[in-house]
All heavy atoms as atom14 arrays in JSON, in Angstrom:
{
  "sequence": "GHGPILRDEVGCEGHERDLWECPAELEHDCS",
  "atom14_mask": [
    [1, 1, 1, 1, 0, 0, 0, 0, 0, 0, 0, 0, 0, 0],
    [1, 1, 1, 1, 1, 1, 1, 1, 1, 1, 0, 0, 0, 0],
    [1, 1, 1, 1, 0, 0, 0, 0, 0, 0, 0, 0, 0, 0],
    [1, 1, 1, 1, 1, 1, 1, 0, 0, 0, 0, 0, 0, 0],
    [1, 1, 1, 1, 1, 1, 1, 1, 0, 0, 0, 0, 0, 0],
    [1, 1, 1, 1, 1, 1, 1, 1, 0, 0, 0, 0, 0, 0],
    [1, 1, 1, 1, 1, 1, 1, 1, 1, 1, 1, 0, 0, 0],
    [1, 1, 1, 1, 1, 1, 1, 1, 0, 0, 0, 0, 0, 0],
    [1, 1, 1, 1, 1, 1, 1, 1, 1, 0, 0, 0, 0, 0],
    [1, 1, 1, 1, 1, 1, 1, 0, 0, 0, 0, 0, 0, 0],
    [1, 1, 1, 1, 0, 0, 0, 0, 0, 0, 0, 0, 0, 0],
    [1, 1, 1, 1, 1, 1, 0, 0, 0, 0, 0, 0, 0, 0],
    [1, 1, 1, 1, 1, 1, 1, 1, 1, 0, 0, 0, 0, 0],
    [1, 1, 1, 1, 0, 0, 0, 0, 0, 0, 0, 0, 0, 0],
    [1, 1, 1, 1, 1, 1, 1, 1, 1, 1, 0, 0, 0, 0],
    [1, 1, 1, 1, 1, 1, 1, 1, 1, 0, 0, 0, 0, 0],
    [1, 1, 1, 1, 1, 1, 1, 1, 1, 1, 1, 0, 0, 0],
    [1, 1, 1, 1, 1, 1, 1, 1, 0, 0, 0, 0, 0, 0],
    [1, 1, 1, 1, 1, 1, 1, 1, 0, 0, 0, 0, 0, 0],
    [1, 1, 1, 1, 1, 1, 1, 1, 1, 1, 1, 1, 1, 1],
    [1, 1, 1, 1, 1, 1, 1, 1, 1, 0, 0, 0, 0, 0],
    [1, 1, 1, 1, 1, 1, 0, 0, 0, 0, 0, 0, 0, 0],
    [1, 1, 1, 1, 1, 1, 1, 0, 0, 0, 0, 0, 0, 0],
    [1, 1, 1, 1, 1, 0, 0, 0, 0, 0, 0, 0, 0, 0],
    [1, 1, 1, 1, 1, 1, 1, 1, 1, 0, 0, 0, 0, 0],
    [1, 1, 1, 1, 1, 1, 1, 1, 0, 0, 0, 0, 0, 0],
    [1, 1, 1, 1, 1, 1, 1, 1, 1, 0, 0, 0, 0, 0],
    [1, 1, 1, 1, 1, 1, 1, 1, 1, 1, 0, 0, 0, 0],
    [1, 1, 1, 1, 1, 1, 1, 1, 0, 0, 0, 0, 0, 0],
    [1, 1, 1, 1, 1, 1, 0, 0, 0, 0, 0, 0, 0, 0],
    [1, 1, 1, 1, 1, 1, 0, 0, 0, 0, 0, 0, 0, 0]
  ],
  "atom14_positions": [
    [[86.52, 139.46, -31.86], [87.3, 138.3, -31.46], [88.19, 137.69, -32.47], [88.27, 138.32, -33.62], [0.0, 0.0, 0.0], [0.0, 0.0, 0.0], [0.0, 0.0, 0.0], [0.0, 0.0, 0.0], [0.0, 0.0, 0.0], [0.0, 0.0, 0.0], [0.0, 0.0, 0.0], [0.0, 0.0, 0.0], [0.0, 0.0, 0.0], [0.0, 0.0, 0.0]],
    [[88.74, 136.56, -32.27], [89.6, 135.88, -33.23], [89.13, 134.43, -33.32], [88.43, 133.97, -32.52], [91.08, 135.93, -32.75], [91.54, 137.38, -32.57], [91.88, 138.12, -33.68], [91.72, 138.06, -31.44], [92.3, 139.35, -33.1], [92.11, 139.4, -31.89], [0.0, 0.0, 0.0], [0.0, 0.0, 0.0], [0.0, 0.0, 0.0], [0.0, 0.0, 0.0]],
    [[89.78, 133.75, -34.31], [89.44, 132.33, -34.36], [88.14, 132.07, -35.06], [87.53, 132.98, -35.65], [0.0, 0.0, 0.0], [0.0, 0.0, 0.0], [0.0, 0.0, 0.0], [0.0, 0.0, 0.0], [0.0, 0.0, 0.0], [0.0, 0.0, 0.0], [0.0, 0.0, 0.0], [0.0, 0.0, 0.0], [0.0, 0.0, 0.0], [0.0, 0.0, 0.0]],
    [[87.63, 130.86, -35.09], [86.44, 130.39, -35.71], [85.15, 131.11, -35.16], [85.18, 131.3, -33.98], [86.38, 128.89, -35.63], [87.28, 128.63, -34.39], [88.32, 129.65, -34.33], [0.0, 0.0, 0.0], [0.0, 0.0, 0.0], [0.0, 0.0, 0.0], [0.0, 0.0, 0.0], [0.0, 0.0, 0.0], [0.0, 0.0, 0.0], [0.0, 0.0, 0.0]],
    [[84.13, 131.17, -35.89], [82.88, 131.54, -35.39], [82.23, 130.25, -35.25], [81.79, 129.59, -36.2], [82.13, 132.57, -36.33], [82.92, 133.79, -36.3], [80.7, 132.74, -35.91], [82.48, 134.8, -37.37], [0.0, 0.0, 0.0], [0.0, 0.0, 0.0], [0.0, 0.0, 0.0], [0.0, 0.0, 0.0], [0.0, 0.0, 0.0], [0.0, 0.0, 0.0]],
    [[81.91, 129.83, -33.95], [81.46, 128.44, -33.62], [79.98, 128.29, -33.59], [79.45, 127.18, -33.68], [82.01, 127.96, -32.34], [83.68, 127.96, -32.28], [84.22, 127.6, -30.82], [84.11, 126.84, -33.23], [0.0, 0.0, 0.0], [0.0, 0.0, 0.0], [0.0, 0.0, 0.0], [0.0, 0.0, 0.0], [0.0, 0.0, 0.0], [0.0, 0.0, 0.0]],
    [[79.23, 129.43, -33.44], [77.77, 129.26, -33.4], [77.09, 130.34, -34.08], [77.58, 131.52, -34.03], [77.44, 129.2, -31.86], [77.52, 127.89, -31.21], [76.48, 126.93, -31.57], [76.41, 125.72, -30.76], [77.05, 124.65, -31.14], [77.92, 124.63, -32.05], [76.86, 123.56, -30.38], [0.0, 0.0, 0.0], [0.0, 0.0, 0.0], [0.0, 0.0, 0.0]],
    [[75.97, 130.13, -34.62], [75.11, 131.15, -35.25], [73.67, 130.82, -35.15], [73.37, 129.66, -34.98], [75.42, 131.19, -36.84], [74.81, 132.41, -37.54], [74.46, 133.34, -36.92], [74.69, 132.33, -38.8], [0.0, 0.0, 0.0], [0.0, 0.0, 0.0], [0.0, 0.0, 0.0], [0.0, 0.0, 0.0], [0.0, 0.0, 0.0], [0.0, 0.0, 0.0]],
    [[72.87, 131.79, -35.07], [71.4, 131.65, -34.95], [71.15, 130.83, -33.61], [70.42, 129.82, -33.7], [70.77, 130.94, -36.13], [70.88, 131.79, -37.39], [69.9, 133.03, -37.48], [69.1, 133.19, -36.52], [70.1, 133.84, -38.39], [0.0, 0.0, 0.0], [0.0, 0.0, 0.0], [0.0, 0.0, 0.0], [0.0, 0.0, 0.0], [0.0, 0.0, 0.0]],
    [[71.9, 131.11, -32.53], [71.59, 130.35, -31.26], [70.15, 130.63, -30.83], [69.56, 131.68, -30.85], [72.62, 130.86, -30.21], [72.36, 130.15, -28.88], [74.06, 130.66, -30.61], [0.0, 0.0, 0.0], [0.0, 0.0, 0.0], [0.0, 0.0, 0.0], [0.0, 0.0, 0.0], [0.0, 0.0, 0.0], [0.0, 0.0, 0.0], [0.0, 0.0, 0.0]],
    [[69.58, 129.46, -30.39], [68.17, 129.62, -30.04], [67.83, 128.93, -28.66], [67.09, 127.96, -28.58], [0.0, 0.0, 0.0], [0.0, 0.0, 0.0], [0.0, 0.0, 0.0], [0.0, 0.0, 0.0], [0.0, 0.0, 0.0], [0.0, 0.0, 0.0], [0.0, 0.0, 0.0], [0.0, 0.0, 0.0], [0.0, 0.0, 0.0], [0.0, 0.0, 0.0]],
    [[68.53, 129.52, -27.62], [68.28, 129.0, -26.25], [66.82, 129.28, -25.82], [66.28, 130.41, -26.15], [69.22, 129.49, -25.26], [70.98, 129.29, -25.57], [0.0, 0.0, 0.0], [0.0, 0.0, 0.0], [0.0, 0.0, 0.0], [0.0, 0.0, 0.0], [0.0, 0.0, 0.0], [0.0, 0.0, 0.0], [0.0, 0.0, 0.0], [0.0, 0.0, 0.0]],
    [[66.26, 128.51, -24.96], [64.99, 128.91, -24.32], [65.27, 129.62, -23.03], [64.34, 130.34, -22.5], [64.05, 127.63, -24.15], [63.59, 127.22, -25.48], [62.76, 125.84, -25.37], [62.29, 125.54, -24.22], [62.51, 125.14, -26.38], [0.0, 0.0, 0.0], [0.0, 0.0, 0.0], [0.0, 0.0, 0.0], [0.0, 0.0, 0.0], [0.0, 0.0, 0.0]],
    [[66.4, 129.4, -22.44], [66.83, 130.15, -21.29], [67.06, 129.31, -20.11], [67.62, 129.64, -19.04], [0.0, 0.0, 0.0], [0.0, 0.0, 0.0], [0.0, 0.0, 0.0], [0.0, 0.0, 0.0], [0.0, 0.0, 0.0], [0.0, 0.0, 0.0], [0.0, 0.0, 0.0], [0.0, 0.0, 0.0], [0.0, 0.0, 0.0], [0.0, 0.0, 0.0]],
    [[66.55, 127.98, -20.22], [66.63, 127.0, -18.98], [67.85, 126.06, -19.21], [68.17, 125.4, -18.29], [65.42, 126.26, -18.86], [65.09, 125.48, -20.09], [65.61, 124.3, -20.51], [64.03, 125.71, -21.0], [65.24, 123.91, -21.65], [64.13, 124.73, -21.98], [0.0, 0.0, 0.0], [0.0, 0.0, 0.0], [0.0, 0.0, 0.0], [0.0, 0.0, 0.0]],
    [[68.52, 126.06, -20.33], [69.65, 125.1, -20.55], [70.78, 125.35, -19.61], [70.98, 126.42, -19.16], [70.12, 125.29, -22.06], [69.05, 124.89, -23.1], [68.15, 126.09, -23.55], [68.13, 127.07, -22.88], [67.45, 125.92, -24.51], [0.0, 0.0, 0.0], [0.0, 0.0, 0.0], [0.0, 0.0, 0.0], [0.0, 0.0, 0.0], [0.0, 0.0, 0.0]],
    [[71.49, 124.26, -19.27], [72.59, 124.35, -18.32], [73.87, 124.87, -19.03], [74.76, 125.21, -18.37], [72.8, 123.05, -17.74], [71.76, 122.6, -16.64], [72.31, 121.38, -15.89], [72.89, 120.35, -16.96], [72.18, 119.36, -17.33], [70.96, 119.13, -17.0], [72.75, 118.5, -18.16], [0.0, 0.0, 0.0], [0.0, 0.0, 0.0], [0.0, 0.0, 0.0]],
    [[73.99, 124.69, -20.33], [75.21, 124.86, -21.07], [74.83, 125.47, -22.51], [73.89, 125.03, -23.13], [75.83, 123.52, -21.19], [77.23, 123.56, -21.81], [77.47, 124.22, -22.91], [78.11, 122.99, -21.25], [0.0, 0.0, 0.0], [0.0, 0.0, 0.0], [0.0, 0.0, 0.0], [0.0, 0.0, 0.0], [0.0, 0.0, 0.0], [0.0, 0.0, 0.0]],
    [[75.63, 126.41, -22.91], [75.37, 127.08, -24.21], [75.44, 126.05, -25.38], [74.73, 126.11, -26.38], [76.33, 128.16, -24.52], [76.02, 129.13, -25.73], [74.71, 129.85, -25.37], [77.14, 130.09, -25.92], [0.0, 0.0, 0.0], [0.0, 0.0, 0.0], [0.0, 0.0, 0.0], [0.0, 0.0, 0.0], [0.0, 0.0, 0.0], [0.0, 0.0, 0.0]],
    [[76.23, 124.97, -25.2], [76.32, 123.9, -26.22], [75.01, 123.14, -26.43], [74.75, 122.44, -27.36], [77.44, 122.94, -26.01], [78.84, 123.55, -26.08], [79.65, 123.97, -25.07], [79.6, 123.85, -27.38], [80.75, 124.48, -25.57], [80.75, 124.39, -26.95], [79.23, 123.66, -28.66], [81.72, 124.82, -27.88], [80.23, 124.08, -29.59], [81.46, 124.59, -29.16]],
    [[74.12, 123.16, -25.39], [72.85, 122.35, -25.4], [71.79, 123.14, -26.29], [70.85, 122.56, -26.7], [72.26, 122.21, -24.07], [72.96, 121.27, -23.07], [72.38, 121.26, -21.75], [71.19, 121.63, -21.55], [73.09, 120.8, -20.84], [0.0, 0.0, 0.0], [0.0, 0.0, 0.0], [0.0, 0.0, 0.0], [0.0, 0.0, 0.0], [0.0, 0.0, 0.0]],
    [[72.09, 124.39, -26.55], [71.05, 125.2, -27.34], [71.18, 124.93, -28.82], [72.3, 124.76, -29.35], [71.28, 126.66, -27.05], [71.22, 127.12, -25.3], [0.0, 0.0, 0.0], [0.0, 0.0, 0.0], [0.0, 0.0, 0.0], [0.0, 0.0, 0.0], [0.0, 0.0, 0.0], [0.0, 0.0, 0.0], [0.0, 0.0, 0.0], [0.0, 0.0, 0.0]],
    [[70.08, 124.79, -29.55], [70.16, 124.7, -30.98], [70.79, 125.85, -31.61], [70.75, 126.98, -31.13], [68.61, 124.65, -31.36], [67.89, 125.16, -30.24], [68.58, 125.0, -28.91], [0.0, 0.0, 0.0], [0.0, 0.0, 0.0], [0.0, 0.0, 0.0], [0.0, 0.0, 0.0], [0.0, 0.0, 0.0], [0.0, 0.0, 0.0], [0.0, 0.0, 0.0]],
    [[71.59, 125.58, -32.57], [72.35, 126.6, -33.38], [72.73, 126.13, -34.76], [72.63, 124.87, -34.94], [73.54, 127.07, -32.57], [0.0, 0.0, 0.0], [0.0, 0.0, 0.0], [0.0, 0.0, 0.0], [0.0, 0.0, 0.0], [0.0, 0.0, 0.0], [0.0, 0.0, 0.0], [0.0, 0.0, 0.0], [0.0, 0.0, 0.0], [0.0, 0.0, 0.0]],
    [[73.0, 127.07, -35.65], [73.5, 126.7, -36.98], [74.99, 126.53, -36.76], [75.61, 127.32, -36.22], [73.11, 127.82, -37.99], [71.65, 128.02, -38.23], [70.98, 126.89, -38.84], [71.57, 126.23, -39.72], [69.86, 126.51, -38.54], [0.0, 0.0, 0.0], [0.0, 0.0, 0.0], [0.0, 0.0, 0.0], [0.0, 0.0, 0.0], [0.0, 0.0, 0.0]],
    [[75.5, 125.47, -37.46], [77.0, 125.32, -37.59], [77.62, 126.12, -38.7], [78.65, 126.63, -38.64], [77.28, 123.93, -37.62], [76.84, 123.03, -36.4], [77.23, 121.58, -36.54], [77.52, 123.59, -35.15], [0.0, 0.0, 0.0], [0.0, 0.0, 0.0], [0.0, 0.0, 0.0], [0.0, 0.0, 0.0], [0.0, 0.0, 0.0], [0.0, 0.0, 0.0]],
    [[76.87, 126.17, -39.83], [77.21, 127.0, -40.92], [76.89, 128.48, -40.62], [75.78, 128.76, -40.02], [76.54, 126.55, -42.24], [76.89, 125.15, -42.65], [78.32, 125.01, -43.02], [78.86, 125.87, -43.7], [78.97, 124.01, -42.48], [0.0, 0.0, 0.0], [0.0, 0.0, 0.0], [0.0, 0.0, 0.0], [0.0, 0.0, 0.0], [0.0, 0.0, 0.0]],
    [[77.71, 129.46, -41.01], [77.3, 130.84, -40.66], [77.8, 131.72, -41.86], [78.63, 131.26, -42.73], [78.08, 131.19, -39.41], [79.59, 131.41, -39.56], [80.25, 132.52, -40.08], [80.55, 130.51, -39.29], [81.52, 132.29, -40.08], [81.73, 131.18, -39.67], [0.0, 0.0, 0.0], [0.0, 0.0, 0.0], [0.0, 0.0, 0.0], [0.0, 0.0, 0.0]],
    [[77.2, 132.88, -41.96], [77.62, 133.89, -42.95], [78.07, 135.19, -42.18], [77.71, 136.32, -42.58], [76.53, 134.14, -43.83], [75.17, 134.49, -43.19], [75.15, 134.55, -41.91], [74.21, 134.77, -43.85], [0.0, 0.0, 0.0], [0.0, 0.0, 0.0], [0.0, 0.0, 0.0], [0.0, 0.0, 0.0], [0.0, 0.0, 0.0], [0.0, 0.0, 0.0]],
    [[78.74, 134.98, -41.04], [79.15, 136.11, -40.2], [80.48, 136.44, -40.23], [81.37, 135.68, -40.69], [78.81, 135.73, -38.72], [77.06, 135.24, -38.51], [0.0, 0.0, 0.0], [0.0, 0.0, 0.0], [0.0, 0.0, 0.0], [0.0, 0.0, 0.0], [0.0, 0.0, 0.0], [0.0, 0.0, 0.0], [0.0, 0.0, 0.0], [0.0, 0.0, 0.0]],
    [[80.88, 137.61, -39.78], [82.28, 138.05, -39.55], [82.47, 138.44, -38.1], [81.37, 138.54, -37.42], [82.72, 139.12, -40.5], [82.06, 140.37, -40.07], [0.0, 0.0, 0.0], [0.0, 0.0, 0.0], [0.0, 0.0, 0.0], [0.0, 0.0, 0.0], [0.0, 0.0, 0.0], [0.0, 0.0, 0.0], [0.0, 0.0, 0.0], [0.0, 0.0, 0.0]]
  ]
}
């Protein structure tokens, strides 16, 4: 993809209604 990497280490439990509700790291070391 292009643009920023907005989420890293996403940790949904599976019942959340929206991906933004899941805990995640804002800092990342990804490409």
